Amino acid sequence: MVKIPDLSKLNLKGIVENVKSIIGQTPIPEAAKNNPTGYHLSELSKAIKTLAELHSKEADTIAKIDATLGNLYQSLTAVTPASDAPTTPAQPKPEVPKTSETEAKK
């Protein structure tokens, strides 16, 4: 059986909090286009806020996926008999390159 890593140790809430702490708490006010620096800063601020909101939603989705995978793993291990022998996936046989000698023998 393939060993599935324990993803429950991944601290998603901590990651989200770190991202939130990076983002400035002071909102940059809307600026007119005739002030290029202020305008670009306000556009960047809006984009960062949008990304932070999307990241938060994605983190929640990843946490749900992680929980579902954990539940699936528990269900599979409960149904599948344990085996002391490690399982290895079947290895495909390497393809022998064709040479003029190989074709001449045919």
PDB file of N, CA and C in Angstrom:
ATOM      1  N   MET A   1       0.846  -1.175   0.000  1.00  0.00           N
ATOM      2  CA  MET A   1       0.000   0.000   0.000  1.00  0.00           C
ATOM      3  C   MET A   1       0.890   1.235   0.000  1.00  0.00           C
ATOM      4  N   VAL A   2       0.523   2.219  -0.743  1.00  0.00           N
ATOM      5  CA  VAL A   2       1.280   3.455  -0.832  1.00  0.00           C
ATOM      6  C   VAL A   2       1.095   4.237   0.463  1.00  0.00           C
ATOM      7  N   LYS A   3       2.196   4.707   1.006  1.00  0.00           N
ATOM      8  CA  LYS A   3       2.115   5.472   2.246  1.00  0.00           C
ATOM      9  C   LYS A   3       1.743   6.916   1.918  1.00  0.00           C
ATOM     10  N   ILE A   4       0.670   7.376   2.517  1.00  0.00           N
ATOM     11  CA  ILE A   4       0.182   8.729   2.301  1.00  0.00           C
ATOM     12  C   ILE A   4       0.736   9.611   3.414  1.00  0.00           C
ATOM     13  N   PRO A   5       1.357  10.747   3.052  1.00  0.00           N
ATOM     14  CA  PRO A   5       1.905  11.614   4.094  1.00  0.00           C
ATOM     15  C   PRO A   5       0.796  12.232   4.937  1.00  0.00           C
ATOM     16  N   ASP A   6       1.129  12.511   6.190  1.00  0.00           N
ATOM     17  CA  ASP A   6       0.168  13.103   7.115  1.00  0.00           C
ATOM     18  C   ASP A   6       0.122  14.605   6.877  1.00  0.00           C
ATOM     19  N   LEU A   7      -0.945  15.060   6.210  1.00  0.00           N
ATOM     20  CA  LEU A   7      -1.083  16.473   5.896  1.00  0.00           C
ATOM     21  C   LEU A   7      -1.727  17.259   7.028  1.00  0.00           C
ATOM     22  N   SER A   8      -2.130  16.555   8.091  1.00  0.00           N
ATOM     23  CA  SER A   8      -2.785  17.249   9.193  1.00  0.00           C
ATOM     24  C   SER A   8      -1.818  18.159   9.936  1.00  0.00           C
ATOM     25  N   LYS A   9      -0.516  17.946   9.746  1.00  0.00           N
ATOM     26  CA  LYS A   9       0.478  18.782  10.418  1.00  0.00           C
ATOM     27  C   LYS A   9       0.715  20.098   9.685  1.00  0.00           C
ATOM     28  N   LEU A  10       0.134  20.251   8.503  1.00  0.00           N
ATOM     29  CA  LEU A  10       0.255  21.478   7.741  1.00  0.00           C
ATOM     30  C   LEU A  10      -0.636  22.535   8.383  1.00  0.00           C
ATOM     31  N   ASN A  11      -0.037  23.612   8.825  1.00  0.00           N
ATOM     32  CA  ASN A  11      -0.758  24.653   9.551  1.00  0.00           C
ATOM     33  C   ASN A  11      -1.279  25.702   8.570  1.00  0.00           C
ATOM     34  N   LEU A  12      -2.449  25.430   7.976  1.00  0.00           N
ATOM     35  CA  LEU A  12      -3.004  26.359   6.994  1.00  0.00           C
ATOM     36  C   LEU A  12      -3.442  27.674   7.627  1.00  0.00           C
ATOM     37  N   LYS A  13      -4.000  27.592   8.816  1.00  0.00           N
ATOM     38  CA  LYS A  13      -4.436  28.831   9.479  1.00  0.00           C
ATOM     39  C   LYS A  13      -3.232  29.729   9.744  1.00  0.00           C
ATOM     40  N   GLY A  14      -2.105  29.139  10.141  1.00  0.00           N
ATOM     41  CA  GLY A  14      -0.891  29.915  10.373  1.00  0.00           C
ATOM     42  C   GLY A  14      -0.396  30.576   9.104  1.00  0.00           C
ATOM     43  N   ILE A  15      -0.494  29.850   7.983  1.00  0.00           N
ATOM     44  CA  ILE A  15      -0.078  30.420   6.700  1.00  0.00           C
ATOM     45  C   ILE A  15      -0.955  31.614   6.342  1.00  0.00           C
ATOM     46  N   VAL A  16      -2.263  31.462   6.515  1.00  0.00           N
ATOM     47  CA  VAL A  16      -3.181  32.563   6.212  1.00  0.00           C
ATOM     48  C   VAL A  16      -2.886  33.757   7.111  1.00  0.00           C
ATOM     49  N   GLU A  17      -2.642  33.517   8.380  1.00  0.00           N
ATOM     50  CA  GLU A  17      -2.328  34.620   9.296  1.00  0.00           C
ATOM     51  C   GLU A  17      -1.034  35.319   8.898  1.00  0.00           C
ATOM     52  N   ASN A  18      -0.036  34.558   8.452  1.00  0.00           N
ATOM     53  CA  ASN A  18       1.216  35.164   7.999  1.00  0.00           C
ATOM     54  C   ASN A  18       0.990  36.043   6.780  1.00  0.00           C
ATOM     55  N   VAL A  19       0.170  35.565   5.846  1.00  0.00           N
ATOM     56  CA  VAL A  19      -0.127  36.366   4.659  1.00  0.00           C
ATOM     57  C   VAL A  19      -0.873  37.631   5.058  1.00  0.00           C
ATOM     58  N   LYS A  20      -1.817  37.506   5.979  1.00  0.00           N
ATOM     59  CA  LYS A  20      -2.564  38.682   6.431  1.00  0.00           C
ATOM     60  C   LYS A  20      -1.648  39.694   7.107  1.00  0.00           C
ATOM     61  N   SER A  21      -0.646  39.210   7.851  1.00  0.00           N
ATOM     62  CA  SER A  21       0.244  40.132   8.537  1.00  0.00           C
ATOM     63  C   SER A  21       1.163  40.859   7.564  1.00  0.00           C
ATOM     64  N   ILE A  22       1.427  40.229   6.406  1.00  0.00           N
ATOM     65  CA  ILE A  22       2.262  40.878   5.400  1.00  0.00           C
ATOM     66  C   ILE A  22       1.517  42.036   4.751  1.00  0.00           C
ATOM     67  N   ILE A  23       0.230  41.862   4.564  1.00  0.00           N
ATOM     68  CA  ILE A  23      -0.592  42.874   3.904  1.00  0.00           C
ATOM     69  C   ILE A  23      -0.805  44.033   4.873  1.00  0.00           C
ATOM     70  N   GLY A  24      -0.583  45.229   4.388  1.00  0.00           N
ATOM     71  CA  GLY A  24      -0.707  46.417   5.226  1.00  0.00           C
ATOM     72  C   GLY A  24      -2.110  46.589   5.773  1.00  0.00           C
ATOM     73  N   GLN A  25      -2.179  46.980   7.004  1.00  0.00           N
ATOM     74  CA  GLN A  25      -3.478  47.195   7.648  1.00  0.00           C
ATOM     75  C   GLN A  25      -4.070  48.554   7.287  1.00  0.00           C
ATOM     76  N   THR A  26      -3.215  49.478   6.839  1.00  0.00           N
ATOM     77  CA  THR A  26      -3.693  50.810   6.485  1.00  0.00           C
ATOM     78  C   THR A  26      -4.095  50.823   5.022  1.00  0.00           C
ATOM     79  N   PRO A  27      -5.378  51.039   4.754  1.00  0.00           N
ATOM     80  CA  PRO A  27      -5.797  51.054   3.352  1.00  0.00           C
ATOM     81  C   PRO A  27      -5.251  52.289   2.638  1.00  0.00           C
ATOM     82  N   ILE A  28      -4.879  52.118   1.405  1.00  0.00           N
ATOM     83  CA  ILE A  28      -4.403  53.243   0.605  1.00  0.00           C
ATOM     84  C   ILE A  28      -5.629  53.847  -0.072  1.00  0.00           C
ATOM     85  N   PRO A  29      -5.847  55.153   0.107  1.00  0.00           N
ATOM     86  CA  PRO A  29      -7.053  55.768  -0.467  1.00  0.00           C
ATOM     87  C   PRO A  29      -7.006  55.771  -1.995  1.00  0.00           C
ATOM     88  N   GLU A  30      -8.191  55.866  -2.568  1.00  0.00           N
ATOM     89  CA  GLU A  30      -8.339  55.934  -4.020  1.00  0.00           C
ATOM     90  C   GLU A  30      -7.642  57.203  -4.508  1.00  0.00           C
ATOM     91  N   ALA A  31      -6.884  57.089  -5.582  1.00  0.00           N
ATOM     92  CA  ALA A  31      -6.165  58.245  -6.117  1.00  0.00           C
ATOM     93  C   ALA A  31      -6.573  58.472  -7.565  1.00  0.00           C
ATOM     94  N   ALA A  32      -6.484  59.714  -7.976  1.00  0.00           N
ATOM     95  CA  ALA A  32      -6.832  60.068  -9.352  1.00  0.00           C
ATOM     96  C   ALA A  32      -5.717  59.640 -10.297  1.00  0.00           C
ATOM     97  N   LYS A  33      -6.061  59.458 -11.571  1.00  0.00           N
ATOM     98  CA  LYS A  33      -5.070  59.027 -12.550  1.00  0.00           C
ATOM     99  C   LYS A  33      -4.019  60.103 -12.818  1.00  0.00           C
ATOM    100  N   ASN A  34      -4.317  61.356 -12.489  1.00  0.00           N
ATOM    101  CA  ASN A  34      -3.328  62.411 -12.712  1.00  0.00           C
ATOM    102  C   ASN A  34      -2.209  62.361 -11.656  1.00  0.00           C
ATOM    103  N   ASN A  35      -2.366  61.506 -10.641  1.00  0.00           N
ATOM    104  CA  ASN A  35      -1.309  61.252  -9.649  1.00  0.00           C
ATOM    105  C   ASN A  35      -0.844  59.813  -9.875  1.00  0.00           C
ATOM    106  N   PRO A  36       0.110  59.613 -10.796  1.00  0.00           N
ATOM    107  CA  PRO A  36       0.470  58.243 -11.178  1.00  0.00           C
ATOM    108  C   PRO A  36       0.939  57.376 -10.014  1.00  0.00           C
ATOM    109  N   THR A  37       1.745  57.901  -9.130  1.00  0.00           N
ATOM    110  CA  THR A  37       2.254  57.093  -8.016  1.00  0.00           C
ATOM    111  C   THR A  37       1.114  56.685  -7.089  1.00  0.00           C
ATOM    112  N   GLY A  38       0.288  57.640  -6.705  1.00  0.00           N
ATOM    113  CA  GLY A  38      -0.848  57.345  -5.827  1.00  0.00           C
ATOM    114  C   GLY A  38      -1.832  56.400  -6.486  1.00  0.00           C
ATOM    115  N   TYR A  39      -2.057  56.604  -7.781  1.00  0.00           N
ATOM    116  CA  TYR A  39      -2.993  55.753  -8.515  1.00  0.00           C
ATOM    117  C   TYR A  39      -2.490  54.300  -8.540  1.00  0.00           C
ATOM    118  N   HIS A  40      -1.217  54.100  -8.859  1.00  0.00           N
ATOM    119  CA  HIS A  40      -0.673  52.752  -8.924  1.00  0.00           C
ATOM    120  C   HIS A  40      -0.649  52.096  -7.549  1.00  0.00           C
ATOM    121  N   LEU A  41      -0.343  52.874  -6.519  1.00  0.00           N
ATOM    122  CA  LEU A  41      -0.365  52.321  -5.162  1.00  0.00           C
ATOM    123  C   LEU A  41      -1.770  51.881  -4.769  1.00  0.00           C
ATOM    124  N   SER A  42      -2.772  52.684  -5.110  1.00  0.00           N
ATOM    125  CA  SER A  42      -4.146  52.303  -4.756  1.00  0.00           C
ATOM    126  C   SER A  42      -4.591  51.082  -5.563  1.00  0.00           C
ATOM    127  N   GLU A  43      -4.167  50.980  -6.830  1.00  0.00           N
ATOM    128  CA  GLU A  43      -4.502  49.806  -7.636  1.00  0.00           C
ATOM    129  C   GLU A  43      -3.830  48.558  -7.056  1.00  0.00           C
ATOM    130  N   LEU A  44      -2.572  48.673  -6.660  1.00  0.00           N
ATOM    131  CA  LEU A  44      -1.871  47.543  -6.043  1.00  0.00           C
ATOM    132  C   LEU A  44      -2.533  47.144  -4.733  1.00  0.00           C
ATOM    133  N   SER A  45      -2.961  48.124  -3.955  1.00  0.00           N
ATOM    134  CA  SER A  45      -3.620  47.844  -2.681  1.00  0.00           C
ATOM    135  C   SER A  45      -4.913  47.063  -2.913  1.00  0.00           C
ATOM    136  N   LYS A  46      -5.686  47.475  -3.920  1.00  0.00           N
ATOM    137  CA  LYS A  46      -6.937  46.767  -4.230  1.00  0.00           C
ATOM    138  C   LYS A  46      -6.646  45.337  -4.695  1.00  0.00           C
ATOM    139  N   ALA A  47      -5.610  45.182  -5.525  1.00  0.00           N
ATOM    140  CA  ALA A  47      -5.268  43.847  -6.030  1.00  0.00           C
ATOM    141  C   ALA A  47      -4.820  42.937  -4.891  1.00  0.00           C
ATOM    142  N   ILE A  48      -4.035  43.471  -3.965  1.00  0.00           N
ATOM    143  CA  ILE A  48      -3.572  42.675  -2.825  1.00  0.00           C
ATOM    144  C   ILE A  48      -4.749  42.266  -1.951  1.00  0.00           C
ATOM    145  N   LYS A  49      -5.684  43.183  -1.740  1.00  0.00           N
ATOM    146  CA  LYS A  49      -6.863  42.854  -0.929  1.00  0.00           C
ATOM    147  C   LYS A  49      -7.667  41.736  -1.591  1.00  0.00           C
ATOM    148  N   THR A  50      -7.836  41.814  -2.908  1.00  0.00           N
ATOM    149  CA  THR A  50      -8.563  40.774  -3.640  1.00  0.00           C
ATOM    150  C   THR A  50      -7.851  39.433  -3.524  1.00  0.00           C
ATOM    151  N   LEU A  51      -6.513  39.444  -3.699  1.00  0.00           N
ATOM    152  CA  LEU A  51      -5.742  38.213  -3.580  1.00  0.00           C
ATOM    153  C   LEU A  51      -5.836  37.625  -2.175  1.00  0.00           C
ATOM    154  N   ALA A  52      -5.809  38.476  -1.166  1.00  0.00           N
ATOM    155  CA  ALA A  52      -5.899  37.995   0.212  1.00  0.00           C
ATOM    156  C   ALA A  52      -7.241  37.319   0.459  1.00  0.00           C
ATOM    157  N   GLU A  53      -8.320  37.896  -0.071  1.00  0.00           N
ATOM    158  CA  GLU A  53      -9.642  37.293   0.088  1.00  0.00           C
ATOM    159  C   GLU A  53      -9.715  35.948  -0.640  1.00  0.00           C
ATOM    160  N   LEU A  54      -9.172  35.901  -1.861  1.00  0.00           N
ATOM    161  CA  LEU A  54      -9.165  34.644  -2.615  1.00  0.00           C
ATOM    162  C   LEU A  54      -8.310  33.596  -1.916  1.00  0.00           C
ATOM    163  N   HIS A  55      -7.164  34.011  -1.385  1.00  0.00           N
ATOM    164  CA  HIS A  55      -6.280  33.076  -0.685  1.00  0.00           C
ATOM    165  C   HIS A  55      -6.978  32.481   0.532  1.00  0.00           C
ATOM    166  N   SER A  56      -7.709  33.305   1.242  1.00  0.00           N
ATOM    167  CA  SER A  56      -8.429  32.823   2.417  1.00  0.00           C
ATOM    168  C   SER A  56      -9.453  31.758   2.021  1.00  0.00           C
ATOM    169  N   LYS A  57     -10.179  32.008   0.928  1.00  0.00           N
ATOM    170  CA  LYS A  57     -11.164  31.035   0.452  1.00  0.00           C
ATOM    171  C   LYS A  57     -10.473  29.754  -0.009  1.00  0.00           C
ATOM    172  N   GLU A  58      -9.344  29.911  -0.714  1.00  0.00           N
ATOM    173  CA  GLU A  58      -8.610  28.733  -1.178  1.00  0.00           C
ATOM    174  C   GLU A  58      -8.063  27.941  -0.001  1.00  0.00           C
ATOM    175  N   ALA A  59      -7.598  28.608   1.033  1.00  0.00           N
ATOM    176  CA  ALA A  59      -7.083  27.912   2.214  1.00  0.00           C
ATOM    177  C   ALA A  59      -8.190  27.095   2.869  1.00  0.00           C
ATOM    178  N   ASP A  60      -9.393  27.651   2.908  1.00  0.00           N
ATOM    179  CA  ASP A  60     -10.526  26.902   3.461  1.00  0.00           C
ATOM    180  C   ASP A  60     -10.826  25.666   2.611  1.00  0.00           C
ATOM    181  N   THR A  61     -10.767  25.833   1.283  1.00  0.00           N
ATOM    182  CA  THR A  61     -11.012  24.706   0.384  1.00  0.00           C
ATOM    183  C   THR A  61      -9.936  23.646   0.550  1.00  0.00           C
ATOM    184  N   ILE A  62      -8.680  24.068   0.657  1.00  0.00           N
ATOM    185  CA  ILE A  62      -7.583  23.112   0.848  1.00  0.00           C
ATOM    186  C   ILE A  62      -7.761  22.372   2.165  1.00  0.00           C
ATOM    187  N   ALA A  63      -8.191  23.054   3.201  1.00  0.00           N
ATOM    188  CA  ALA A  63      -8.415  22.403   4.490  1.00  0.00           C
ATOM    189  C   ALA A  63      -9.528  21.351   4.378  1.00  0.00           C
ATOM    190  N   LYS A  64     -10.587  21.663   3.620  1.00  0.00           N
ATOM    191  CA  LYS A  64     -11.671  20.697   3.411  1.00  0.00           C
ATOM    192  C   LYS A  64     -11.176  19.484   2.633  1.00  0.00           C
ATOM    193  N   ILE A  65     -10.355  19.735   1.597  1.00  0.00           N
ATOM    194  CA  ILE A  65      -9.793  18.634   0.812  1.00  0.00           C
ATOM    195  C   ILE A  65      -8.914  17.769   1.700  1.00  0.00           C
ATOM    196  N   ASP A  66      -8.097  18.399   2.534  1.00  0.00           N
ATOM    197  CA  ASP A  66      -7.209  17.671   3.438  1.00  0.00           C
ATOM    198  C   ASP A  66      -8.014  16.808   4.407  1.00  0.00           C
ATOM    199  N   ALA A  67      -9.087  17.362   4.952  1.00  0.00           N
ATOM    200  CA  ALA A  67      -9.923  16.593   5.881  1.00  0.00           C
ATOM    201  C   ALA A  67     -10.581  15.413   5.169  1.00  0.00           C
ATOM    202  N   THR A  68     -11.048  15.634   3.952  1.00  0.00           N
ATOM    203  CA  THR A  68     -11.672  14.562   3.180  1.00  0.00           C
ATOM    204  C   THR A  68     -10.664  13.464   2.854  1.00  0.00           C
ATOM    205  N   LEU A  69      -9.437  13.858   2.478  1.00  0.00           N
ATOM    206  CA  LEU A  69      -8.391  12.874   2.212  1.00  0.00           C
ATOM    207  C   LEU A  69      -8.075  12.073   3.469  1.00  0.00           C
ATOM    208  N   GLY A  70      -8.023  12.746   4.605  1.00  0.00           N
ATOM    209  CA  GLY A  70      -7.770  12.056   5.869  1.00  0.00           C
ATOM    210  C   GLY A  70      -8.862  11.054   6.184  1.00  0.00           C
ATOM    211  N   ASN A  71     -10.105  11.454   5.970  1.00  0.00           N
ATOM    212  CA  ASN A  71     -11.234  10.544   6.205  1.00  0.00           C
ATOM    213  C   ASN A  71     -11.196   9.363   5.240  1.00  0.00           C
ATOM    214  N   LEU A  72     -10.865   9.635   3.989  1.00  0.00           N
ATOM    215  CA  LEU A  72     -10.761   8.564   3.001  1.00  0.00           C
ATOM    216  C   LEU A  72      -9.655   7.596   3.393  1.00  0.00           C
ATOM    217  N   TYR A  73      -8.515   8.111   3.825  1.00  0.00           N
ATOM    218  CA  TYR A  73      -7.409   7.258   4.249  1.00  0.00           C
ATOM    219  C   TYR A  73      -7.820   6.381   5.428  1.00  0.00           C
ATOM    220  N   GLN A  74      -8.502   6.977   6.399  1.00  0.00           N
ATOM    221  CA  GLN A  74      -8.962   6.205   7.558  1.00  0.00           C
ATOM    222  C   GLN A  74      -9.939   5.121   7.131  1.00  0.00           C
ATOM    223  N   SER A  75     -10.833   5.435   6.206  1.00  0.00           N
ATOM    224  CA  SER A  75     -11.789   4.439   5.708  1.00  0.00           C
ATOM    225  C   SER A  75     -11.079   3.307   4.989  1.00  0.00           C
ATOM    226  N   LEU A  76     -10.097   3.657   4.163  1.00  0.00           N
ATOM    227  CA  LEU A  76      -9.369   2.636   3.414  1.00  0.00           C
ATOM    228  C   LEU A  76      -8.546   1.746   4.331  1.00  0.00           C
ATOM    229  N   THR A  77      -7.900   2.325   5.330  1.00  0.00           N
ATOM    230  CA  THR A  77      -7.091   1.510   6.231  1.00  0.00           C
ATOM    231  C   THR A  77      -7.965   0.638   7.114  1.00  0.00           C
ATOM    232  N   ALA A  78      -9.188   1.059   7.377  1.00  0.00           N
ATOM    233  CA  ALA A  78     -10.093   0.250   8.186  1.00  0.00           C
ATOM    234  C   ALA A  78     -10.595  -0.961   7.395  1.00  0.00           C
ATOM    235  N   VAL A  79     -10.728  -0.823   6.086  1.00  0.00           N
ATOM    236  CA  VAL A  79     -11.257  -1.884   5.240  1.00  0.00           C
ATOM    237  C   VAL A  79     -10.152  -2.804   4.726  1.00  0.00           C
ATOM    238  N   THR A  80      -8.991  -2.244   4.413  1.00  0.00           N
ATOM    239  CA  THR A  80      -7.892  -3.000   3.824  1.00  0.00           C
ATOM    240  C   THR A  80      -7.101  -3.714   4.910  1.00  0.00           C
ATOM    241  N   PRO A  81      -6.870  -5.014   4.751  1.00  0.00           N
ATOM    242  CA  PRO A  81      -6.068  -5.718   5.756  1.00  0.00           C
ATOM    243  C   PRO A  81      -4.629  -5.240   5.729  1.00  0.00           C
ATOM    244  N   ALA A  82      -4.038  -5.127   6.903  1.00  0.00           N
ATOM    245  CA  ALA A  82      -2.654  -4.670   7.008  1.00  0.00           C
ATOM    246  C   ALA A  82      -1.722  -5.758   6.506  1.00  0.00           C
ATOM    247  N   SER A  83      -0.652  -5.353   5.902  1.00  0.00           N
ATOM    248  CA  SER A  83       0.338  -6.291   5.390  1.00  0.00           C
ATOM    249  C   SER A  83       1.700  -5.850   5.880  1.00  0.00           C
ATOM    250  N   ASP A  84       2.487  -6.796   6.388  1.00  0.00           N
ATOM    251  CA  ASP A  84       3.828  -6.455   6.858  1.00  0.00           C
ATOM    252  C   ASP A  84       4.793  -6.296   5.691  1.00  0.00           C
ATOM    253  N   ALA A  85       4.497  -6.929   4.573  1.00  0.00           N
ATOM    254  CA  ALA A  85       5.391  -6.840   3.427  1.00  0.00           C
ATOM    255  C   ALA A  85       5.140  -5.531   2.690  1.00  0.00           C
ATOM    256  N   PRO A  86       6.209  -4.770   2.438  1.00  0.00           N
ATOM    257  CA  PRO A  86       6.007  -3.528   1.705  1.00  0.00           C
ATOM    258  C   PRO A  86       5.636  -3.817   0.260  1.00  0.00           C
ATOM    259  N   THR A  87       4.770  -3.013  -0.265  1.00  0.00           N
ATOM    260  CA  THR A  87       4.356  -3.205  -1.645  1.00  0.00           C
ATOM    261  C   THR A  87       5.131  -2.244  -2.521  1.00  0.00           C
ATOM    262  N   THR A  88       5.508  -2.696  -3.677  1.00  0.00           N
ATOM    263  CA  THR A  88       6.195  -1.833  -4.632  1.00  0.00           C
ATOM    264  C   THR A  88       5.413  -1.858  -5.922  1.00  0.00           C
ATOM    265  N   PRO A  89       5.319  -0.725  -6.572  1.00  0.00           N
ATOM    266  CA  PRO A  89       4.586  -0.698  -7.833  1.00  0.00           C
ATOM    267  C   PRO A  89       5.332  -1.491  -8.895  1.00  0.00           C
ATOM    268  N   ALA A  90       4.585  -2.066  -9.809  1.00  0.00           N
ATOM    269  CA  ALA A  90       5.192  -2.840 -10.889  1.00  0.00           C
ATOM    270  C   ALA A  90       6.017  -1.913 -11.765  1.00  0.00           C
ATOM    271  N   GLN A  91       7.225  -2.335 -12.059  1.00  0.00           N
ATOM    272  CA  GLN A  91       8.120  -1.552 -12.902  1.00  0.00           C
ATOM    273  C   GLN A  91       7.969  -2.017 -14.349  1.00  0.00           C
ATOM    274  N   PRO A  92       7.750  -1.100 -15.281  1.00  0.00           N
ATOM    275  CA  PRO A  92       7.672  -1.529 -16.677  1.00  0.00           C
ATOM    276  C   PRO A  92       9.059  -1.953 -17.160  1.00  0.00           C
ATOM    277  N   LYS A  93       9.078  -2.941 -18.048  1.00  0.00           N
ATOM    278  CA  LYS A  93      10.346  -3.405 -18.590  1.00  0.00           C
ATOM    279  C   LYS A  93      10.904  -2.329 -19.506  1.00  0.00           C
ATOM    280  N   PRO A  94      12.213  -2.058 -19.395  1.00  0.00           N
ATOM    281  CA  PRO A  94      12.791  -1.029 -20.267  1.00  0.00           C
ATOM    282  C   PRO A  94      12.763  -1.489 -21.719  1.00  0.00           C
ATOM    283  N   GLU A  95      12.499  -0.555 -22.571  1.00  0.00           N
ATOM    284  CA  GLU A  95      12.430  -0.862 -23.990  1.00  0.00           C
ATOM    285  C   GLU A  95      13.841  -0.967 -24.541  1.00  0.00           C
ATOM    286  N   VAL A  96      14.101  -2.040 -25.290  1.00  0.00           N
ATOM    287  CA  VAL A  96      15.414  -2.254 -25.888  1.00  0.00           C
ATOM    288  C   VAL A  96      15.481  -1.430 -27.165  1.00  0.00           C
ATOM    289  N   PRO A  97      16.487  -0.553 -27.252  1.00  0.00           N
ATOM    290  CA  PRO A  97      16.580   0.266 -28.474  1.00  0.00           C
ATOM    291  C   PRO A  97      16.904  -0.610 -29.675  1.00  0.00           C
ATOM    292  N   LYS A  98      16.292  -0.312 -30.783  1.00  0.00           N
ATOM    293  CA  LYS A  98      16.517  -1.075 -32.005  1.00  0.00           C
ATOM    294  C   LYS A  98      17.783  -0.572 -32.678  1.00  0.00           C
ATOM    295  N   THR A  99      18.628  -1.501 -33.012  1.00  0.00           N
ATOM    296  CA  THR A  99      19.847  -1.171 -33.747  1.00  0.00           C
ATOM    297  C   THR A  99      19.839  -1.956 -35.041  1.00  0.00           C
ATOM    298  N   SER A 100      20.761  -1.676 -35.892  1.00  0.00           N
ATOM    299  CA  SER A 100      20.812  -2.382 -37.174  1.00  0.00           C
ATOM    300  C   SER A 100      21.144  -3.854 -36.947  1.00  0.00           C
ATOM    301  N   GLU A 101      21.933  -4.192 -35.881  1.00  0.00           N
ATOM    302  CA  GLU A 101      22.264  -5.586 -35.577  1.00  0.00           C
ATOM    303  C   GLU A 101      21.026  -6.346 -35.122  1.00  0.00           C
ATOM    304  N   THR A 102      20.184  -5.722 -34.306  1.00  0.00           N
ATOM    305  CA  THR A 102      18.982  -6.362 -33.804  1.00  0.00           C
ATOM    306  C   THR A 102      18.038  -6.676 -34.956  1.00  0.00           C
ATOM    307  N   GLU A 103      17.893  -5.745 -35.866  1.00  0.00           N
ATOM    308  CA  GLU A 103      16.977  -5.941 -36.994  1.00  0.00           C
ATOM    309  C   GLU A 103      17.550  -6.960 -37.981  1.00  0.00           C
ATOM    310  N   ALA A 104      18.885  -7.016 -38.094  1.00  0.00           N
ATOM    311  CA  ALA A 104      19.507  -7.967 -39.026  1.00  0.00           C
ATOM    312  C   ALA A 104      19.317  -9.404 -38.560  1.00  0.00           C
ATOM    313  N   LYS A 105      19.234  -9.650 -37.229  1.00  0.00           N
ATOM    314  CA  LYS A 105      19.064 -10.984 -36.699  1.00  0.00           C
ATOM    315  C   LYS A 105      17.668 -11.533 -36.955  1.00  0.00           C
ATOM    316  N   LYS A 106      16.714 -10.678 -37.220  1.00  0.00           N
ATOM    317  CA  LYS A 106      15.333 -11.117 -37.441  1.00  0.00           C
ATOM    318  C   LYS A 106      15.212 -11.738 -38.754  1.00  0.00           C
TER     319      LYS A 106
END
